[in-house]
C-alpha atoms as a PDB file:
ATOM      1  CA  MET A   1       0.031   0.003   0.036  1.00  0.00           C
ATOM      2  CA  ARG A   2       1.380   3.457  -0.884  1.00  0.00           C
ATOM      3  CA  GLN A   3       2.175   5.844   1.990  1.00  0.00           C
ATOM      4  CA  LEU A   4      -0.876   7.889   2.879  1.00  0.00           C
ATOM      5  CA  PRO A   5      -0.610  11.670   3.189  1.00  0.00           C
ATOM      6  CA  LEU A   6       0.440  12.889   6.681  1.00  0.00           C
ATOM      7  CA  GLY A   7      -2.399  12.696   9.181  1.00  0.00           C
ATOM      8  CA  ILE A   8      -4.604  10.449   7.054  1.00  0.00           C
ATOM      9  CA  SER A   9      -5.015   6.758   8.061  1.00  0.00           C
ATOM     10  CA  LEU A  10      -7.422   3.905   7.532  1.00  0.00           C
ATOM     11  CA  ARG A  11      -9.768   3.149  10.447  1.00  0.00           C
ATOM     12  CA  VAL A  12      -9.022  -0.244  11.966  1.00  0.00           C
ATOM     13  CA  SER A  13     -12.673  -1.000  12.156  1.00  0.00           C
ATOM     14  CA  ALA A  14     -13.315  -0.251   8.407  1.00  0.00           C
ATOM     15  CA  ARG A  15     -13.290  -3.754   7.069  1.00  0.00           C
ATOM     16  CA  PHE A  16     -15.785  -5.767   4.996  1.00  0.00           C
ATOM     17  CA  SER A  17     -16.277  -8.076   8.013  1.00  0.00           C
ATOM     18  CA  THR A  18     -17.725  -5.069   9.977  1.00  0.00           C
ATOM     19  CA  PHE A  19     -20.049  -3.820   7.261  1.00  0.00           C
ATOM     20  CA  LEU A  20     -23.483  -5.338   7.408  1.00  0.00           C
ATOM     21  CA  ASP A  21     -24.623  -5.502   3.777  1.00  0.00           C
ATOM     22  CA  GLY A  22     -28.333  -5.018   4.421  1.00  0.00           C
ATOM     23  CA  PRO A  23     -29.720  -3.457   1.234  1.00  0.00           C
ATOM     24  CA  ASN A  24     -26.318  -2.943  -0.239  1.00  0.00           C
ATOM     25  CA  GLN A  25     -25.263  -6.420  -1.192  1.00  0.00           C
ATOM     26  CA  ALA A  26     -24.537  -5.542  -4.888  1.00  0.00           C
ATOM     27  CA  ALA A  27     -22.178  -2.691  -4.030  1.00  0.00           C
ATOM     28  CA  VAL A  28     -20.321  -4.752  -1.432  1.00  0.00           C
ATOM     29  CA  GLY A  29     -20.017  -7.724  -3.741  1.00  0.00           C
ATOM     30  CA  ALA A  30     -18.558  -5.508  -6.560  1.00  0.00           C
ATOM     31  CA  LEU A  31     -15.933  -4.099  -4.230  1.00  0.00           C
ATOM     32  CA  GLN A  32     -14.983  -7.438  -2.809  1.00  0.00           C
ATOM     33  CA  ALA A  33     -14.548  -8.866  -6.227  1.00  0.00           C
ATOM     34  CA  LEU A  34     -12.439  -5.908  -7.367  1.00  0.00           C
ATOM     35  CA  GLY A  35      -9.539  -7.069  -9.494  1.00  0.00           C
ATOM     36  CA  ARG A  36      -7.240  -5.790 -12.180  1.00  0.00           C
ATOM     37  CA  ALA A  37      -8.851  -5.357 -15.553  1.00  0.00           C
ATOM     38  CA  VAL A  38      -7.685  -3.281 -18.535  1.00  0.00           C
ATOM     39  CA  ARG A  39     -10.200  -0.653 -19.686  1.00  0.00           C
ATOM     40  CA  GLU A  40     -12.873  -1.438 -17.146  1.00  0.00           C
ATOM     41  CA  PRO A  41     -14.991   1.514 -16.191  1.00  0.00           C
ATOM     42  CA  PRO A  42     -14.613   3.009 -12.737  1.00  0.00           C
ATOM     43  CA  LEU A  43     -16.822   1.902  -9.806  1.00  0.00           C
ATOM     44  CA  TRP A  44     -18.858   4.782  -8.522  1.00  0.00           C
ATOM     45  CA  ILE A  45     -20.373   4.466  -5.104  1.00  0.00           C
ATOM     46  CA  CYS A  46     -22.950   7.170  -4.127  1.00  0.00           C
ATOM     47  CA  GLY A  47     -25.470   7.768  -1.408  1.00  0.00           C
ATOM     48  CA  PRO A  48     -26.313   9.985   1.497  1.00  0.00           C
ATOM     49  CA  SER A  49     -24.032  10.855   4.366  1.00  0.00           C
ATOM     50  CA  GLY A  50     -23.825   7.984   6.804  1.00  0.00           C
ATOM     51  CA  ALA A  51     -24.568   5.282   4.221  1.00  0.00           C
ATOM     52  CA  GLY A  52     -21.125   3.757   4.509  1.00  0.00           C
ATOM     53  CA  LYS A  53     -19.244   5.106   1.575  1.00  0.00           C
ATOM     54  CA  THR A  54     -16.043   5.909   3.414  1.00  0.00           C
ATOM     55  CA  HIS A  55     -16.244   2.540   5.309  1.00  0.00           C
ATOM     56  CA  LEU A  56     -16.457   0.641   2.001  1.00  0.00           C
ATOM     57  CA  LEU A  57     -13.646   2.531   0.253  1.00  0.00           C
ATOM     58  CA  GLN A  58     -11.345   2.051   3.231  1.00  0.00           C
ATOM     59  CA  ALA A  59     -12.337  -1.627   3.492  1.00  0.00           C
ATOM     60  CA  THR A  60     -11.449  -2.068  -0.198  1.00  0.00           C
ATOM     61  CA  CYS A  61      -8.030  -0.390   0.341  1.00  0.00           C
ATOM     62  CA  ALA A  62      -7.277  -2.584   3.229  1.00  0.00           C
ATOM     63  CA  ALA A  63      -8.393  -5.705   1.303  1.00  0.00           C
ATOM     64  CA  VAL A  64      -6.157  -4.886  -1.664  1.00  0.00           C
ATOM     65  CA  GLY A  65      -3.236  -4.258   0.592  1.00  0.00           C
ATOM     66  CA  SER A  66      -3.802  -7.522   2.599  1.00  0.00           C
ATOM     67  CA  ALA A  67      -3.807  -9.450  -0.691  1.00  0.00           C
ATOM     68  CA  GLY A  68      -0.396  -7.963  -1.553  1.00  0.00           C
ATOM     69  CA  GLY A  69      -1.644  -5.288  -3.891  1.00  0.00           C
ATOM     70  CA  ARG A  70      -0.891  -1.587  -4.096  1.00  0.00           C
ATOM     71  CA  ALA A  71      -3.821   0.678  -3.200  1.00  0.00           C
ATOM     72  CA  LEU A  72      -4.121   4.438  -2.289  1.00  0.00           C
ATOM     73  CA  TYR A  73      -7.035   5.934  -0.484  1.00  0.00           C
ATOM     74  CA  LEU A  74      -7.545   9.734  -0.547  1.00  0.00           C
ATOM     75  CA  PRO A  75     -10.366  11.620   1.238  1.00  0.00           C
ATOM     76  CA  LEU A  76     -10.779  14.582  -1.138  1.00  0.00           C
ATOM     77  CA  ALA A  77     -12.892  16.465   1.357  1.00  0.00           C
ATOM     78  CA  GLU A  78      -9.583  17.094   3.056  1.00  0.00           C
ATOM     79  CA  ARG A  79      -7.852  18.090  -0.161  1.00  0.00           C
ATOM     80  CA  ASP A  80      -6.358  21.211   1.357  1.00  0.00           C
ATOM     81  CA  ARG A  81      -3.940  18.885   3.266  1.00  0.00           C
ATOM     82  CA  PHE A  82      -2.318  17.571   0.144  1.00  0.00           C
ATOM     83  CA  ALA A  83      -1.989  18.394  -3.602  1.00  0.00           C
ATOM     84  CA  SER A  84      -3.247  16.997  -6.746  1.00  0.00           C
ATOM     85  CA  GLY A  85       0.114  15.524  -7.332  1.00  0.00           C
ATOM     86  CA  MET A  86      -0.802  12.813  -4.997  1.00  0.00           C
ATOM     87  CA  LEU A  87      -2.527  11.215  -8.084  1.00  0.00           C
ATOM     88  CA  GLU A  88       0.768  11.014  -9.973  1.00  0.00           C
ATOM     89  CA  GLY A  89       2.051   7.364 -10.587  1.00  0.00           C
ATOM     90  CA  ALA A  90      -1.408   5.819 -10.739  1.00  0.00           C
ATOM     91  CA  GLU A  91      -0.210   3.318 -13.213  1.00  0.00           C
ATOM     92  CA  ASP A  92       1.705   1.617 -10.428  1.00  0.00           C
ATOM     93  CA  LEU A  93      -1.434   1.009  -8.338  1.00  0.00           C
ATOM     94  CA  ASP A  94      -3.870  -1.884  -8.349  1.00  0.00           C
ATOM     95  CA  ALA A  95      -6.567   0.384  -6.948  1.00  0.00           C
ATOM     96  CA  LEU A  96      -7.071   4.116  -6.526  1.00  0.00           C
ATOM     97  CA  LEU A  97      -9.876   4.975  -4.106  1.00  0.00           C
ATOM     98  CA  LEU A  98     -11.079   8.577  -4.019  1.00  0.00           C
ATOM     99  CA  ASP A  99     -13.544   9.558  -1.361  1.00  0.00           C
ATOM    100  CA  ASP A 100     -15.820  12.634  -1.744  1.00  0.00           C
ATOM    101  CA  LEU A 101     -14.799  13.029  -5.369  1.00  0.00           C
ATOM    102  CA  ASP A 102     -17.372  15.771  -5.911  1.00  0.00           C
ATOM    103  CA  ALA A 103     -15.156  18.025  -3.593  1.00  0.00           C
ATOM    104  CA  VAL A 104     -12.686  18.597  -6.464  1.00  0.00           C
ATOM    105  CA  ALA A 105     -15.249  19.187  -9.263  1.00  0.00           C
ATOM    106  CA  GLY A 106     -14.483  22.370 -11.052  1.00  0.00           C
ATOM    107  CA  GLN A 107     -10.877  22.696  -9.798  1.00  0.00           C
ATOM    108  CA  PRO A 108      -8.686  22.620 -12.919  1.00  0.00           C
ATOM    109  CA  ASP A 109      -5.627  21.173 -11.314  1.00  0.00           C
ATOM    110  CA  TRP A 110      -7.531  18.281  -9.753  1.00  0.00           C
ATOM    111  CA  GLU A 111      -9.518  17.594 -12.822  1.00  0.00           C
ATOM    112  CA  ARG A 112      -6.468  17.396 -15.082  1.00  0.00           C
ATOM    113  CA  ALA A 113      -4.663  15.176 -12.538  1.00  0.00           C
ATOM    114  CA  LEU A 114      -7.711  12.958 -12.220  1.00  0.00           C
ATOM    115  CA  PHE A 115      -8.029  12.706 -16.049  1.00  0.00           C
ATOM    116  CA  VAL A 116      -4.292  11.597 -16.293  1.00  0.00           C
ATOM    117  CA  ALA A 117      -4.734   9.074 -13.464  1.00  0.00           C
ATOM    118  CA  TYR A 118      -7.933   7.653 -15.040  1.00  0.00           C
ATOM    119  CA  ASN A 119      -6.076   7.070 -18.336  1.00  0.00           C
ATOM    120  CA  GLU A 120      -3.033   5.594 -16.619  1.00  0.00           C
ATOM    121  CA  LEU A 121      -5.218   3.185 -14.669  1.00  0.00           C
ATOM    122  CA  GLN A 122      -7.094   2.169 -17.890  1.00  0.00           C
ATOM    123  CA  GLU A 123      -3.844   1.257 -19.560  1.00  0.00           C
ATOM    124  CA  SER A 124      -2.260  -0.570 -16.618  1.00  0.00           C
ATOM    125  CA  GLY A 125      -5.307  -2.544 -15.431  1.00  0.00           C
ATOM    126  CA  GLY A 126      -5.549  -0.734 -12.122  1.00  0.00           C
ATOM    127  CA  ARG A 127      -9.028   0.042 -10.899  1.00  0.00           C
ATOM    128  CA  LEU A 128     -10.554   3.418 -10.034  1.00  0.00           C
ATOM    129  CA  VAL A 129     -13.129   3.458  -7.241  1.00  0.00           C
ATOM    130  CA  VAL A 130     -14.816   6.664  -6.176  1.00  0.00           C
ATOM    131  CA  ALA A 131     -17.486   7.824  -3.818  1.00  0.00           C
ATOM    132  CA  ALA A 132     -19.682  10.832  -3.828  1.00  0.00           C
ATOM    133  CA  VAL A 133     -23.026  11.938  -2.593  1.00  0.00           C
ATOM    134  CA  GLU A 134     -24.425  12.229  -6.093  1.00  0.00           C
ATOM    135  CA  ALA A 135     -24.313  10.136  -9.256  1.00  0.00           C
ATOM    136  CA  PRO A 136     -21.652  11.072 -11.767  1.00  0.00           C
ATOM    137  CA  THR A 137     -24.029  12.715 -14.184  1.00  0.00           C
ATOM    138  CA  LEU A 138     -24.953  15.327 -11.497  1.00  0.00           C
ATOM    139  CA  ILE A 139     -21.356  16.410 -10.794  1.00  0.00           C
ATOM    140  CA  PRO A 140     -20.381  19.725 -12.465  1.00  0.00           C
ATOM    141  CA  TRP A 141     -17.102  18.751 -14.129  1.00  0.00           C
ATOM    142  CA  ARG A 142     -15.512  21.469 -16.317  1.00  0.00           C
ATOM    143  CA  LEU A 143     -13.302  19.147 -18.286  1.00  0.00           C
ATOM    144  CA  PRO A 144     -15.505  17.493 -20.932  1.00  0.00           C
ATOM    145  CA  ASP A 145     -13.316  14.483 -21.526  1.00  0.00           C
ATOM    146  CA  LEU A 146     -13.208  13.733 -17.814  1.00  0.00           C
ATOM    147  CA  ARG A 147     -17.061  14.143 -17.543  1.00  0.00           C
ATOM    148  CA  SER A 148     -17.706  11.721 -20.380  1.00  0.00           C
ATOM    149  CA  ARG A 149     -15.402   9.036 -18.935  1.00  0.00           C
ATOM    150  CA  LEU A 150     -16.727   9.263 -15.373  1.00  0.00           C
ATOM    151  CA  ASN A 151     -20.345   9.283 -16.673  1.00  0.00           C
ATOM    152  CA  ALA A 152     -19.672   5.799 -17.985  1.00  0.00           C
ATOM    153  CA  ALA A 153     -18.806   4.462 -14.521  1.00  0.00           C
ATOM    154  CA  THR A 154     -20.548   1.463 -12.990  1.00  0.00           C
ATOM    155  CA  LEU A 155     -22.976   3.012 -10.442  1.00  0.00           C
ATOM    156  CA  HIS A 156     -23.932   1.540  -7.061  1.00  0.00           C
ATOM    157  CA  VAL A 157     -26.269   3.547  -4.886  1.00  0.00           C
ATOM    158  CA  LEU A 158     -25.976   2.908  -1.076  1.00  0.00           C
ATOM    159  CA  ARG A 159     -28.961   2.962   1.074  1.00  0.00           C
ATOM    160  CA  PRO A 160     -28.631   3.616   4.833  1.00  0.00           C
ATOM    161  CA  LEU A 161     -28.730   0.559   7.027  1.00  0.00           C
ATOM    162  CA  PRO A 162     -32.270   0.001   8.503  1.00  0.00           C
ATOM    163  CA  GLU A 163     -32.474   0.672  12.237  1.00  0.00           C
ATOM    164  CA  GLU A 164     -33.487  -2.905  12.927  1.00  0.00           C
ATOM    165  CA  LEU A 165     -30.002  -4.061  11.805  1.00  0.00           C
ATOM    166  CA  HIS A 166     -28.082  -1.476  13.831  1.00  0.00           C
ATOM    167  CA  ALA A 167     -27.555  -3.886  16.809  1.00  0.00           C
ATOM    168  CA  GLU A 168     -26.131  -6.610  14.672  1.00  0.00           C
ATOM    169  CA  ALA A 169     -23.810  -4.225  12.874  1.00  0.00           C
ATOM    170  CA  LEU A 170     -22.534  -2.599  16.111  1.00  0.00           C
ATOM    171  CA  LEU A 171     -21.789  -5.978  17.551  1.00  0.00           C
ATOM    172  CA  ALA A 172     -19.758  -6.888  14.501  1.00  0.00           C
ATOM    173  CA  ARG A 173     -17.886  -3.656  14.689  1.00  0.00           C
ATOM    174  CA  SER A 174     -17.229  -4.050  18.474  1.00  0.00           C
ATOM    175  CA  ARG A 175     -15.793  -7.562  17.821  1.00  0.00           C
ATOM    176  CA  GLU A 176     -13.460  -6.146  15.207  1.00  0.00           C
ATOM    177  CA  LEU A 177     -12.330  -3.460  17.838  1.00  0.00           C
ATOM    178  CA  GLY A 178     -11.803  -6.300  20.401  1.00  0.00           C
ATOM    179  CA  LEU A 179     -14.420  -4.572  22.560  1.00  0.00           C
ATOM    180  CA  GLU A 180     -16.814  -6.667  24.702  1.00  0.00           C
ATOM    181  CA  LEU A 181     -20.204  -5.057  24.301  1.00  0.00           C
ATOM    182  CA  ALA A 182     -22.871  -6.713  26.513  1.00  0.00           C
ATOM    183  CA  GLN A 183     -26.557  -6.563  25.808  1.00  0.00           C
ATOM    184  CA  GLU A 184     -27.464  -3.949  28.446  1.00  0.00           C
ATOM    185  CA  PRO A 185     -25.056  -1.190  27.333  1.00  0.00           C
ATOM    186  CA  LEU A 186     -25.759  -1.944  23.719  1.00  0.00           C
ATOM    187  CA  ALA A 187     -29.477  -1.601  24.314  1.00  0.00           C
ATOM    188  CA  TYR A 188     -28.884   1.673  26.173  1.00  0.00           C
ATOM    189  CA  LEU A 189     -26.835   3.010  23.293  1.00  0.00           C
ATOM    190  CA  LEU A 190     -29.577   2.078  20.778  1.00  0.00           C
ATOM    191  CA  ARG A 191     -32.295   3.499  22.968  1.00  0.00           C
ATOM    192  CA  HIS A 192     -30.663   6.882  23.660  1.00  0.00           C
ATOM    193  CA  GLY A 193     -28.152   7.315  20.839  1.00  0.00           C
ATOM    194  CA  PRO A 194     -28.688   9.006  17.497  1.00  0.00           C
ATOM    195  CA  ARG A 195     -30.587   7.316  14.701  1.00  0.00           C
ATOM    196  CA  SER A 196     -27.739   7.745  12.238  1.00  0.00           C
ATOM    197  CA  PHE A 197     -25.652   4.583  11.993  1.00  0.00           C
ATOM    198  CA  ALA A 198     -22.598   6.582  11.128  1.00  0.00           C
ATOM    199  CA  SER A 199     -22.978   8.605  14.385  1.00  0.00           C
ATOM    200  CA  LEU A 200     -23.498   5.467  16.373  1.00  0.00           C
ATOM    201  CA  CYS A 201     -20.210   4.052  14.982  1.00  0.00           C
ATOM    202  CA  GLU A 202     -18.424   7.243  16.039  1.00  0.00           C
ATOM    203  CA  LEU A 203     -19.946   6.878  19.532  1.00  0.00           C
ATOM    204  CA  LEU A 204     -18.841   3.190  19.661  1.00  0.00           C
ATOM    205  CA  ASP A 205     -15.234   4.322  18.783  1.00  0.00           C
ATOM    206  CA  ALA A 206     -15.519   6.909  21.630  1.00  0.00           C
ATOM    207  CA  ILE A 207     -16.699   4.196  23.984  1.00  0.00           C
ATOM    208  CA  ASP A 208     -13.857   1.960  22.940  1.00  0.00           C
ATOM    209  CA  ARG A 209     -11.316   4.761  23.632  1.00  0.00           C
ATOM    210  CA  GLY A 210     -12.992   5.515  26.937  1.00  0.00           C
ATOM    211  CA  ALA A 211     -12.865   1.899  28.046  1.00  0.00           C
ATOM    212  CA  LEU A 212      -9.245   1.571  27.067  1.00  0.00           C
ATOM    213  CA  ALA A 213      -8.147   4.821  28.700  1.00  0.00           C
ATOM    214  CA  GLY A 214      -9.861   3.964  31.959  1.00  0.00           C
ATOM    215  CA  GLN A 215      -9.207   0.254  31.745  1.00  0.00           C
ATOM    216  CA  ARG A 216     -12.946  -0.181  32.226  1.00  0.00           C
ATOM    217  CA  LYS A 217     -15.512  -2.653  30.938  1.00  0.00           C
ATOM    218  CA  VAL A 218     -18.200  -1.275  28.761  1.00  0.00           C
ATOM    219  CA  THR A 219     -21.129  -0.631  31.160  1.00  0.00           C
ATOM    220  CA  VAL A 220     -24.242   1.490  31.105  1.00  0.00           C
ATOM    221  CA  PRO A 221     -22.587   4.235  33.286  1.00  0.00           C
ATOM    222  CA  LEU A 222     -19.673   4.432  30.688  1.00  0.00           C
ATOM    223  CA  VAL A 223     -22.107   4.701  27.781  1.00  0.00           C
ATOM    224  CA  ARG A 224     -24.071   7.298  29.705  1.00  0.00           C
ATOM    225  CA  GLN A 225     -20.819   9.328  30.197  1.00  0.00           C
ATOM    226  CA  ILE A 226     -19.914   9.150  26.520  1.00  0.00           C
ATOM    227  CA  LEU A 227     -23.404  10.182  25.509  1.00  0.00           C
ATOM    228  CA  GLY A 228     -23.225  13.157  27.764  1.00  0.00           C
ATOM    229  CA  HIS A 229     -25.796  12.510  30.376  1.00  0.00           C
ATOM    230  CA  ASP A 230     -26.110  14.898  33.310  1.00  0.00           C
ATOM    231  CA  PRO A 231     -26.077  13.403  36.820  1.00  0.00           C
ATOM    232  CA  ASP A 232     -29.832  13.066  36.789  1.00  0.00           C
ATOM    233  CA  GLY A 233     -29.710  11.018  33.557  1.00  0.00           C
ATOM    234  CA  ALA A 234     -31.076  13.693  31.210  1.00  0.00           C
ATOM    235  CA  LEU A 235     -29.600  13.172  27.739  1.00  0.00           C
ATOM    236  CA  ALA A 236     -27.672  15.980  26.320  1.00  0.00           C
ATOM    237  CA  ALA A 237     -27.023  14.624  22.878  1.00  0.00           C
ATOM    238  CA  ALA A 238     -30.397  13.201  21.385  1.00  0.00           C
ATOM    239  CA  PRO A 239     -33.803  12.166  22.462  1.00  0.00           C
ATOM    240  CA  PRO A 240     -34.620   8.478  23.076  1.00  0.00           C
ATOM    241  CA  ARG A 241     -35.721   6.453  20.145  1.00  0.00           C
ATOM    242  CA  PRO A 242     -39.399   5.565  20.104  1.00  0.00           C
ATOM    243  CA  GLN A 243     -39.845   1.890  20.929  1.00  0.00           C
ATOM    244  CA  PRO A 244     -42.098  -0.322  18.800  1.00  0.00           C
ATOM    245  CA  GLY A 245     -45.402  -1.312  20.376  1.00  0.00           C
ATOM    246  CA  PRO A 246     -46.687  -4.824  20.849  1.00  0.00           C
ATOM    247  CA  GLY A 247     -46.918  -6.746  17.513  1.00  0.00           C
ATOM    248  CA  SER A 248     -44.703  -4.333  15.567  1.00  0.00           C
ATOM    249  CA  ASN A 249     -42.130  -5.623  13.091  1.00  0.00           C
END
C-alpha cells in the first residue's frame, strides 16, 4: 500500500467484516470482487452521508493491501492537506480509491490530474473506485473528456442501514475492535443514541477509547458518560428512540 498523506489513516474497524450488507449487497459484492482489468469503467459509489461510503472505500483499500496489492485511499474532502500531485504514478497502483470526489469538481488542477490518473489506470489494469453523494451525471465537471469518462462508471447507490439491523452491525464492529459489548449497554446506546448509524459508529469508537483509557469494561454508566448524560440522567445529545409497540415488526 502506498504511503498515505500525513495525518490520514485507515480506520482499523473499516473492514468488509464489519459492514453489514443489508440493502447494499450488490455494491459490497462488486468491491469485494475488485480485480485488475484493462479498460474497465470506474466503480462509482454514491449515497447520503452515513450510508457507509467511506467505510467501504477504506475496506477495499485494506483488502487490496492485505492481498499484496498496491492501493491508495484519498479523502478529497480534506484536499487542502495535500496536492493533486498525489494522483501521480497511478499506473503503479492496483486500486485508486477517491472519497468525496465531488469535492474537487470544477478545480482545474484536480480535474487534469484525475483525467491523467484515469487514463493511466485504464492502460495498466488498475481500478478506479470513487465515492460521492451524487451520481456522476450530476457532478459539474469542467473538463468535458473527464465528464464523459466518469459518466460511464458502473454506479452503485448505497441505502442507509435499516434501524432494525443497527444492533447486529454494532456488535460486528465491536468484535473487530476487540471490545466486549454486552446486551445492556448496547440496548442503552440504541435506545438513547442518534438514529444515524454513522453517528452510532463514532460513539462506539469513543466508548472503545474511553474503556481503554480507563481500563474499564463497557457498562451503562460508561455509555451514559460518553453520550453526555447529566447526573440526573437527562440526555444532552439526542432524544430516546421511540420503541415499537406490541406486535410491531
